[in-house]
Amino acid sequence: MKTYKTRWFGNWAEDENVSDQSLLNAVEEMEKGLKGAVLGGGLYKKRIAIEGRGKSGGKRVILAFIEHKKAFFVYGFSKNEIENIDKAQEKSLKEVSKKLLSYTEKEIQHAIKERVLLEVKKHEIN
């Protein structure tokens, strides 16, 4: 399963101390059927845990997802900052989701080269 994050999401995740491992854990949960809120059009809202705080002190993420194929993290927020995304944001995110989920492997690799997308990888501990 290939997992990516947009450049904006990557910057947000770094600022909020959201690790790639937390993102991979969320995708693993989704693969097991724990998908969170279905927003439609391949878009989902999911709670993720932050190391040392768990899910109750965690973040909310919006991701485009096709089971067993690919996932794209596109937006994140803290529940104490905003309650939820509004309808205009949801509509825009669905458009982004549709575009990302339609990318071919060649388009994904080009987006990575241009740093529009970043691959989420498990970091090995040496």
N, C-alpha and C. Protein backbone atom coordinates (compact mmCIF):
# COMPACT_ATOMS: atom_id res chain seq x y z
N MET A 1 0.85 -1.18 0.00
CA MET A 1 0.00 0.00 0.00
C MET A 1 0.89 1.23 0.00
N LYS A 2 0.74 2.06 -0.99
CA LYS A 2 1.52 3.30 -1.10
C LYS A 2 0.80 4.41 -0.34
N THR A 3 1.56 5.17 0.44
CA THR A 3 1.00 6.25 1.24
C THR A 3 1.80 7.52 0.99
N TYR A 4 1.06 8.62 0.77
CA TYR A 4 1.68 9.91 0.44
C TYR A 4 1.06 11.01 1.28
N LYS A 5 1.75 12.14 1.32
CA LYS A 5 1.20 13.34 1.93
C LYS A 5 1.52 14.51 1.01
N THR A 6 0.60 15.46 0.97
CA THR A 6 0.86 16.65 0.18
C THR A 6 1.93 17.47 0.89
N ARG A 7 2.55 18.37 0.17
CA ARG A 7 3.57 19.22 0.78
C ARG A 7 2.96 20.03 1.93
N TRP A 8 1.75 20.59 1.72
CA TRP A 8 1.11 21.35 2.79
C TRP A 8 0.92 20.46 4.02
N PHE A 9 0.40 19.26 3.81
CA PHE A 9 0.18 18.35 4.93
C PHE A 9 1.50 18.01 5.61
N GLY A 10 2.55 17.78 4.83
CA GLY A 10 3.85 17.47 5.41
C GLY A 10 4.36 18.58 6.31
N ASN A 11 4.18 19.82 5.88
CA ASN A 11 4.59 20.96 6.71
C ASN A 11 3.76 21.04 7.98
N TRP A 12 2.45 20.84 7.84
CA TRP A 12 1.56 20.85 9.00
C TRP A 12 1.95 19.74 9.97
N ALA A 13 2.15 18.54 9.45
CA ALA A 13 2.49 17.39 10.30
C ALA A 13 3.79 17.63 11.06
N GLU A 14 4.76 18.21 10.39
CA GLU A 14 6.03 18.51 11.07
C GLU A 14 5.82 19.52 12.19
N ASP A 15 5.06 20.57 11.91
CA ASP A 15 4.78 21.60 12.92
C ASP A 15 4.02 21.03 14.12
N GLU A 16 3.16 20.04 13.87
CA GLU A 16 2.30 19.46 14.91
C GLU A 16 2.87 18.19 15.52
N ASN A 17 4.10 17.83 15.16
CA ASN A 17 4.76 16.62 15.66
C ASN A 17 3.98 15.34 15.34
N VAL A 18 3.41 15.30 14.16
CA VAL A 18 2.71 14.10 13.68
C VAL A 18 3.73 13.28 12.90
N SER A 19 4.05 12.11 13.40
CA SER A 19 5.08 11.28 12.77
C SER A 19 4.52 10.51 11.57
N ASP A 20 5.42 10.14 10.67
CA ASP A 20 5.02 9.28 9.57
C ASP A 20 4.47 7.96 10.10
N GLN A 21 5.02 7.48 11.20
CA GLN A 21 4.53 6.22 11.77
C GLN A 21 3.07 6.34 12.19
N SER A 22 2.68 7.50 12.75
CA SER A 22 1.27 7.72 13.11
C SER A 22 0.37 7.67 11.88
N LEU A 23 0.87 8.22 10.78
CA LEU A 23 0.10 8.20 9.53
C LEU A 23 -0.03 6.78 9.00
N LEU A 24 1.07 6.04 9.04
CA LEU A 24 1.04 4.65 8.58
C LEU A 24 0.13 3.80 9.46
N ASN A 25 0.12 4.09 10.77
CA ASN A 25 -0.78 3.37 11.68
C ASN A 25 -2.23 3.64 11.31
N ALA A 26 -2.54 4.88 10.96
CA ALA A 26 -3.91 5.24 10.57
C ALA A 26 -4.33 4.48 9.31
N VAL A 27 -3.44 4.41 8.34
CA VAL A 27 -3.74 3.68 7.10
C VAL A 27 -3.93 2.19 7.40
N GLU A 28 -3.10 1.65 8.28
CA GLU A 28 -3.22 0.23 8.66
C GLU A 28 -4.59 -0.03 9.31
N GLU A 29 -5.01 0.89 10.18
CA GLU A 29 -6.34 0.76 10.80
C GLU A 29 -7.43 0.78 9.73
N MET A 30 -7.29 1.66 8.75
CA MET A 30 -8.29 1.76 7.69
C MET A 30 -8.34 0.46 6.88
N GLU A 31 -7.19 -0.12 6.64
CA GLU A 31 -7.14 -1.40 5.92
C GLU A 31 -7.86 -2.51 6.70
N LYS A 32 -7.92 -2.34 8.02
CA LYS A 32 -8.61 -3.32 8.86
C LYS A 32 -10.08 -2.99 9.05
N GLY A 33 -10.56 -1.93 8.39
CA GLY A 33 -11.97 -1.58 8.46
C GLY A 33 -12.31 -0.42 9.38
N LEU A 34 -11.34 0.13 10.10
CA LEU A 34 -11.58 1.25 11.01
C LEU A 34 -11.34 2.56 10.26
N LYS A 35 -12.29 2.90 9.40
CA LYS A 35 -12.08 3.99 8.45
C LYS A 35 -12.39 5.38 8.98
N GLY A 36 -13.04 5.52 10.09
CA GLY A 36 -13.40 6.86 10.56
C GLY A 36 -14.63 7.36 9.83
N ALA A 37 -14.71 8.66 9.62
CA ALA A 37 -15.88 9.25 8.97
C ALA A 37 -15.71 9.24 7.46
N VAL A 38 -16.69 8.69 6.77
CA VAL A 38 -16.69 8.65 5.31
C VAL A 38 -17.30 9.95 4.81
N LEU A 39 -16.50 10.72 4.05
CA LEU A 39 -16.99 12.00 3.53
C LEU A 39 -17.48 11.88 2.08
N GLY A 40 -17.20 10.74 1.44
CA GLY A 40 -17.61 10.51 0.07
C GLY A 40 -16.49 10.82 -0.92
N GLY A 41 -16.58 10.23 -2.09
CA GLY A 41 -15.59 10.48 -3.12
C GLY A 41 -14.19 10.00 -2.77
N GLY A 42 -14.11 8.97 -1.93
CA GLY A 42 -12.80 8.44 -1.53
C GLY A 42 -12.13 9.25 -0.44
N LEU A 43 -12.89 10.18 0.18
CA LEU A 43 -12.34 11.06 1.20
C LEU A 43 -12.82 10.62 2.58
N TYR A 44 -11.91 10.62 3.55
CA TYR A 44 -12.20 10.17 4.91
C TYR A 44 -11.63 11.15 5.92
N LYS A 45 -12.29 11.22 7.07
CA LYS A 45 -11.76 11.97 8.21
C LYS A 45 -11.44 10.94 9.28
N LYS A 46 -10.24 11.03 9.83
CA LYS A 46 -9.78 10.02 10.79
C LYS A 46 -9.03 10.69 11.93
N ARG A 47 -9.24 10.16 13.12
CA ARG A 47 -8.44 10.59 14.28
C ARG A 47 -7.14 9.81 14.29
N ILE A 48 -6.06 10.51 14.60
CA ILE A 48 -4.77 9.82 14.72
C ILE A 48 -4.16 10.13 16.08
N ALA A 49 -3.40 9.19 16.55
CA ALA A 49 -2.72 9.34 17.84
C ALA A 49 -1.43 10.14 17.65
N ILE A 50 -1.09 10.88 18.69
CA ILE A 50 0.19 11.57 18.75
C ILE A 50 0.99 10.89 19.86
N GLU A 51 2.24 10.62 19.59
CA GLU A 51 3.07 9.92 20.57
C GLU A 51 3.01 10.60 21.92
N GLY A 52 2.71 9.81 22.95
CA GLY A 52 2.64 10.32 24.30
C GLY A 52 1.28 10.90 24.69
N ARG A 53 0.38 11.06 23.70
CA ARG A 53 -0.94 11.65 24.00
C ARG A 53 -2.10 10.77 23.57
N GLY A 54 -1.85 9.79 22.72
CA GLY A 54 -2.92 8.92 22.25
C GLY A 54 -3.89 9.65 21.34
N LYS A 55 -5.00 8.99 21.02
CA LYS A 55 -5.98 9.57 20.10
C LYS A 55 -6.78 10.70 20.73
N SER A 56 -7.05 10.62 22.03
CA SER A 56 -7.86 11.67 22.66
C SER A 56 -7.14 13.02 22.62
N GLY A 57 -5.83 13.00 22.63
CA GLY A 57 -5.05 14.23 22.52
C GLY A 57 -4.44 14.38 21.14
N GLY A 58 -4.96 13.61 20.20
CA GLY A 58 -4.39 13.56 18.87
C GLY A 58 -4.94 14.62 17.93
N LYS A 59 -4.84 14.31 16.67
CA LYS A 59 -5.22 15.23 15.60
C LYS A 59 -6.28 14.57 14.72
N ARG A 60 -6.90 15.40 13.90
CA ARG A 60 -7.84 14.92 12.88
C ARG A 60 -7.16 15.09 11.53
N VAL A 61 -7.27 14.09 10.70
CA VAL A 61 -6.69 14.18 9.36
C VAL A 61 -7.76 13.85 8.32
N ILE A 62 -7.58 14.45 7.16
CA ILE A 62 -8.44 14.17 6.02
C ILE A 62 -7.54 13.49 4.98
N LEU A 63 -7.99 12.33 4.49
CA LEU A 63 -7.19 11.64 3.50
C LEU A 63 -8.04 11.03 2.41
N ALA A 64 -7.44 10.97 1.23
CA ALA A 64 -8.01 10.28 0.08
C ALA A 64 -7.48 8.86 0.15
N PHE A 65 -8.36 7.87 -0.06
CA PHE A 65 -7.97 6.49 0.23
C PHE A 65 -8.68 5.52 -0.71
N ILE A 66 -7.89 4.63 -1.29
CA ILE A 66 -8.43 3.48 -2.03
C ILE A 66 -7.84 2.24 -1.37
N GLU A 67 -8.70 1.43 -0.82
CA GLU A 67 -8.27 0.25 -0.07
C GLU A 67 -7.30 -0.61 -0.86
N HIS A 68 -6.22 -1.00 -0.21
CA HIS A 68 -5.17 -1.88 -0.73
C HIS A 68 -4.37 -1.26 -1.88
N LYS A 69 -4.58 0.04 -2.16
CA LYS A 69 -3.87 0.66 -3.28
C LYS A 69 -3.06 1.87 -2.87
N LYS A 70 -3.75 2.94 -2.46
CA LYS A 70 -3.02 4.16 -2.13
C LYS A 70 -3.82 5.06 -1.20
N ALA A 71 -3.05 5.89 -0.47
CA ALA A 71 -3.65 6.86 0.44
C ALA A 71 -2.86 8.16 0.32
N PHE A 72 -3.60 9.28 0.38
CA PHE A 72 -2.99 10.61 0.31
C PHE A 72 -3.52 11.44 1.48
N PHE A 73 -2.63 11.85 2.37
CA PHE A 73 -3.02 12.75 3.46
C PHE A 73 -3.02 14.16 2.90
N VAL A 74 -4.17 14.85 3.02
CA VAL A 74 -4.31 16.15 2.39
C VAL A 74 -4.55 17.31 3.35
N TYR A 75 -5.10 17.03 4.54
CA TYR A 75 -5.42 18.11 5.47
C TYR A 75 -5.41 17.59 6.89
N GLY A 76 -5.04 18.44 7.82
CA GLY A 76 -5.03 18.06 9.22
C GLY A 76 -5.40 19.24 10.10
N PHE A 77 -5.95 18.92 11.26
CA PHE A 77 -6.30 19.97 12.22
C PHE A 77 -6.44 19.37 13.61
N SER A 78 -6.36 20.26 14.60
CA SER A 78 -6.59 19.88 15.99
C SER A 78 -8.03 20.22 16.33
N LYS A 79 -8.69 19.33 17.03
CA LYS A 79 -10.08 19.56 17.39
C LYS A 79 -10.23 20.79 18.29
N ASN A 80 -9.20 21.11 19.06
CA ASN A 80 -9.29 22.30 19.92
C ASN A 80 -9.12 23.60 19.11
N GLU A 81 -8.68 23.50 17.86
CA GLU A 81 -8.56 24.67 16.99
C GLU A 81 -9.84 24.91 16.21
N ILE A 82 -10.34 23.87 15.58
CA ILE A 82 -11.62 23.95 14.86
C ILE A 82 -12.40 22.67 15.14
N GLU A 83 -13.71 22.79 15.19
CA GLU A 83 -14.56 21.63 15.47
C GLU A 83 -14.55 20.65 14.30
N ASN A 84 -14.64 21.22 13.08
CA ASN A 84 -14.72 20.38 11.90
C ASN A 84 -14.46 21.24 10.67
N ILE A 85 -14.26 20.61 9.53
CA ILE A 85 -14.15 21.37 8.29
C ILE A 85 -15.55 21.82 7.87
N ASP A 86 -15.62 22.94 7.15
CA ASP A 86 -16.92 23.41 6.69
C ASP A 86 -17.24 22.82 5.30
N LYS A 87 -18.42 23.09 4.81
CA LYS A 87 -18.88 22.49 3.53
C LYS A 87 -18.02 22.93 2.36
N ALA A 88 -17.57 24.18 2.35
CA ALA A 88 -16.71 24.66 1.25
C ALA A 88 -15.37 23.94 1.27
N GLN A 89 -14.79 23.76 2.46
CA GLN A 89 -13.53 23.01 2.57
C GLN A 89 -13.73 21.57 2.13
N GLU A 90 -14.83 20.97 2.56
CA GLU A 90 -15.11 19.58 2.18
C GLU A 90 -15.21 19.44 0.67
N LYS A 91 -15.90 20.38 0.03
CA LYS A 91 -16.05 20.33 -1.43
C LYS A 91 -14.68 20.43 -2.11
N SER A 92 -13.85 21.37 -1.66
CA SER A 92 -12.51 21.53 -2.23
C SER A 92 -11.66 20.29 -2.02
N LEU A 93 -11.74 19.72 -0.81
CA LEU A 93 -10.95 18.53 -0.51
C LEU A 93 -11.42 17.33 -1.33
N LYS A 94 -12.71 17.25 -1.63
CA LYS A 94 -13.21 16.17 -2.49
C LYS A 94 -12.65 16.30 -3.90
N GLU A 95 -12.52 17.54 -4.38
CA GLU A 95 -11.93 17.76 -5.71
C GLU A 95 -10.46 17.35 -5.72
N VAL A 96 -9.74 17.72 -4.67
CA VAL A 96 -8.33 17.33 -4.55
C VAL A 96 -8.23 15.80 -4.48
N SER A 97 -9.09 15.19 -3.68
CA SER A 97 -9.10 13.74 -3.53
C SER A 97 -9.31 13.05 -4.88
N LYS A 98 -10.30 13.51 -5.62
CA LYS A 98 -10.61 12.91 -6.92
C LYS A 98 -9.38 12.97 -7.84
N LYS A 99 -8.72 14.11 -7.85
CA LYS A 99 -7.54 14.27 -8.70
C LYS A 99 -6.41 13.34 -8.25
N LEU A 100 -6.11 13.35 -6.96
CA LEU A 100 -5.02 12.51 -6.45
C LEU A 100 -5.28 11.02 -6.69
N LEU A 101 -6.50 10.58 -6.43
CA LEU A 101 -6.81 9.16 -6.59
C LEU A 101 -6.78 8.71 -8.04
N SER A 102 -6.86 9.66 -8.97
CA SER A 102 -6.80 9.30 -10.39
C SER A 102 -5.37 9.31 -10.93
N TYR A 103 -4.40 9.78 -10.14
CA TYR A 103 -3.01 9.84 -10.60
C TYR A 103 -2.50 8.46 -10.99
N THR A 104 -1.78 8.43 -12.09
CA THR A 104 -1.06 7.22 -12.49
C THR A 104 0.24 7.17 -11.69
N GLU A 105 0.91 6.05 -11.71
CA GLU A 105 2.20 5.93 -11.03
C GLU A 105 3.19 6.95 -11.58
N LYS A 106 3.18 7.18 -12.88
CA LYS A 106 4.07 8.16 -13.49
C LYS A 106 3.78 9.56 -12.97
N GLU A 107 2.50 9.91 -12.84
CA GLU A 107 2.12 11.23 -12.31
C GLU A 107 2.52 11.37 -10.84
N ILE A 108 2.38 10.31 -10.08
CA ILE A 108 2.79 10.34 -8.68
C ILE A 108 4.30 10.56 -8.59
N GLN A 109 5.07 9.83 -9.37
CA GLN A 109 6.53 9.98 -9.33
C GLN A 109 6.96 11.39 -9.74
N HIS A 110 6.26 11.97 -10.72
CA HIS A 110 6.56 13.35 -11.13
C HIS A 110 6.23 14.32 -9.97
N ALA A 111 5.11 14.11 -9.31
CA ALA A 111 4.71 14.97 -8.19
C ALA A 111 5.71 14.85 -7.03
N ILE A 112 6.25 13.67 -6.82
CA ILE A 112 7.28 13.47 -5.79
C ILE A 112 8.56 14.22 -6.19
N LYS A 113 8.94 14.09 -7.44
CA LYS A 113 10.14 14.78 -7.93
C LYS A 113 10.00 16.29 -7.76
N GLU A 114 8.80 16.81 -8.00
CA GLU A 114 8.54 18.25 -7.87
C GLU A 114 8.24 18.66 -6.43
N ARG A 115 8.24 17.70 -5.51
CA ARG A 115 7.97 17.91 -4.08
C ARG A 115 6.56 18.42 -3.81
N VAL A 116 5.63 18.09 -4.71
CA VAL A 116 4.22 18.37 -4.48
C VAL A 116 3.65 17.29 -3.56
N LEU A 117 4.17 16.07 -3.73
CA LEU A 117 3.83 14.94 -2.87
C LEU A 117 5.10 14.42 -2.21
N LEU A 118 4.92 13.87 -1.01
CA LEU A 118 6.01 13.23 -0.28
C LEU A 118 5.54 11.83 0.07
N GLU A 119 6.40 10.84 -0.12
CA GLU A 119 6.03 9.49 0.25
C GLU A 119 6.17 9.31 1.75
N VAL A 120 5.18 8.68 2.36
CA VAL A 120 5.22 8.38 3.79
C VAL A 120 5.84 6.99 3.92
N LYS A 121 6.95 6.94 4.63
CA LYS A 121 7.68 5.68 4.74
C LYS A 121 7.92 5.35 6.20
N LYS A 122 8.00 4.07 6.45
CA LYS A 122 8.37 3.61 7.78
C LYS A 122 9.85 3.90 7.98
N HIS A 123 10.15 4.53 9.10
CA HIS A 123 11.55 4.85 9.40
C HIS A 123 12.14 3.73 10.22
N GLU A 124 13.23 3.19 9.72
CA GLU A 124 13.91 2.09 10.42
C GLU A 124 14.75 2.68 11.55
N ILE A 125 14.74 2.02 12.68
CA ILE A 125 15.56 2.42 13.82
C ILE A 125 16.84 1.60 13.77
N ASN A 126 17.98 2.29 13.74
CA ASN A 126 19.29 1.61 13.67
C ASN A 126 19.86 1.39 15.05
